[in-house]
Amino acid sequence: MRAWRAIQAGEEITIDYRLNALDDWELRCACPAYNVPHVVIGHFFTLCVDLQRQYVPYAPPFVQQEYLRRYSIPGPGPEASAWEQEWPVRW
């Protein structure tokens, strides 16, 4: 898990569950974070494309591999970008 910014001691943290999931599940949540009930979704590809692109380097290998498969991106090689080559994916 990574933080986008420094976290202060005692500060509440949150996670986007879609980052770590590929299965289609939803959970009705009544936590006080939003002050209203809302739905938590557990599937990476329900994120908008821009967030997928931002999150995928930090996603688990199984999510990265599915991202590459869905978007027909080749594994690291001479044609891969630097950030693709740095992914912790097992090719």
Protein backbone atom coordinates (compact mmCIF):
# COMPACT_ATOMS: atom_id res chain seq x y z
CA MET A 1 0.00 0.00 0.00
CA ARG A 2 1.22 3.49 -0.82
CA ALA A 3 0.09 6.91 0.26
CA TRP A 4 -0.25 9.79 -2.23
CA ARG A 5 0.92 12.20 0.49
CA ALA A 6 2.39 12.23 4.00
CA ILE A 7 -0.04 10.94 6.63
CA GLN A 8 -0.16 12.58 10.02
CA ALA A 9 -0.27 10.51 13.21
CA GLY A 10 -3.88 9.81 14.16
CA GLU A 11 -5.20 10.80 10.71
CA GLU A 12 -7.90 8.59 9.22
CA ILE A 13 -6.90 6.90 5.98
CA THR A 14 -9.03 5.45 3.21
CA ILE A 15 -8.45 3.08 0.31
CA ASP A 16 -10.17 2.69 -3.02
CA TYR A 17 -11.09 -1.00 -2.93
CA ARG A 18 -11.22 -1.11 -6.73
CA LEU A 19 -7.42 -0.92 -6.79
CA ASN A 20 -7.07 -4.48 -5.45
CA ALA A 21 -10.02 -6.33 -6.96
CA LEU A 22 -11.19 -7.82 -10.23
CA ASP A 23 -14.34 -9.52 -9.02
CA ASP A 24 -17.74 -7.93 -9.36
CA TRP A 25 -18.93 -7.19 -5.86
CA GLU A 26 -20.71 -4.28 -4.25
CA LEU A 27 -21.14 -3.49 -0.58
CA ARG A 28 -23.57 -1.02 0.89
CA CYS A 29 -21.57 1.09 3.32
CA ALA A 30 -22.91 3.32 6.06
CA CYS A 31 -19.58 4.52 7.45
CA PRO A 32 -19.45 8.16 8.55
CA ALA A 33 -16.89 9.16 5.90
CA TYR A 34 -19.56 10.42 3.47
CA ASN A 35 -22.34 11.15 5.97
CA VAL A 36 -24.74 9.16 3.75
CA PRO A 37 -24.97 5.48 2.80
CA HIS A 38 -23.07 4.67 -0.38
CA VAL A 39 -21.92 1.68 -2.41
CA VAL A 40 -18.36 0.35 -2.36
CA ILE A 41 -17.44 -1.38 -5.63
CA GLY A 42 -14.79 -4.08 -5.91
CA HIS A 43 -13.62 -4.04 -9.51
CA PHE A 44 -10.60 -2.17 -10.91
CA PHE A 45 -12.15 -1.70 -14.35
CA THR A 46 -15.09 0.30 -13.00
CA LEU A 47 -12.59 3.14 -12.50
CA CYS A 48 -12.48 5.75 -15.27
CA VAL A 49 -9.64 5.19 -17.74
CA ASP A 50 -7.59 8.10 -16.35
CA LEU A 51 -7.66 6.64 -12.82
CA GLN A 52 -6.85 3.16 -14.15
CA ARG A 53 -3.76 4.63 -15.82
CA GLN A 54 -2.80 6.46 -12.62
CA TYR A 55 -3.38 3.47 -10.30
CA VAL A 56 -2.13 0.54 -12.37
CA PRO A 57 1.59 0.91 -11.50
CA TYR A 58 0.58 0.48 -7.83
CA ALA A 59 -1.96 -2.30 -8.39
CA PRO A 60 -1.25 -5.94 -7.53
CA PRO A 61 0.37 -8.01 -10.30
CA PHE A 62 -2.88 -9.82 -11.20
CA VAL A 63 -4.57 -6.46 -11.87
CA GLN A 64 -1.58 -5.21 -13.88
CA GLN A 65 -1.59 -8.37 -16.00
CA GLU A 66 -5.31 -8.01 -16.73
CA TYR A 67 -4.81 -4.33 -17.60
CA LEU A 68 -2.10 -5.27 -20.09
CA ARG A 69 -4.29 -8.02 -21.55
CA ARG A 70 -7.38 -5.83 -21.89
CA TYR A 71 -5.53 -2.97 -23.53
CA SER A 72 -3.24 -5.23 -25.62
CA ILE A 73 -0.10 -3.69 -24.18
CA PRO A 74 3.01 -5.83 -24.70
CA GLY A 75 5.09 -6.92 -21.74
CA PRO A 76 8.40 -5.17 -21.08
CA GLY A 77 10.70 -5.19 -24.04
CA PRO A 78 12.49 -2.60 -26.12
CA GLU A 79 9.13 -1.04 -27.10
CA ALA A 80 7.80 -0.76 -23.50
CA SER A 81 7.85 2.55 -21.68
CA ALA A 82 10.08 3.04 -18.63
CA TRP A 83 7.18 2.78 -16.17
CA GLU A 84 5.96 -0.46 -17.76
CA GLN A 85 9.44 -1.91 -17.31
CA GLU A 86 9.44 -0.91 -13.64
CA TRP A 87 6.15 -2.65 -12.82
CA PRO A 88 6.50 -5.51 -10.35
CA VAL A 89 4.76 -7.86 -12.76
CA ARG A 90 6.20 -11.29 -13.45
CA TRP A 91 6.34 -11.63 -17.21
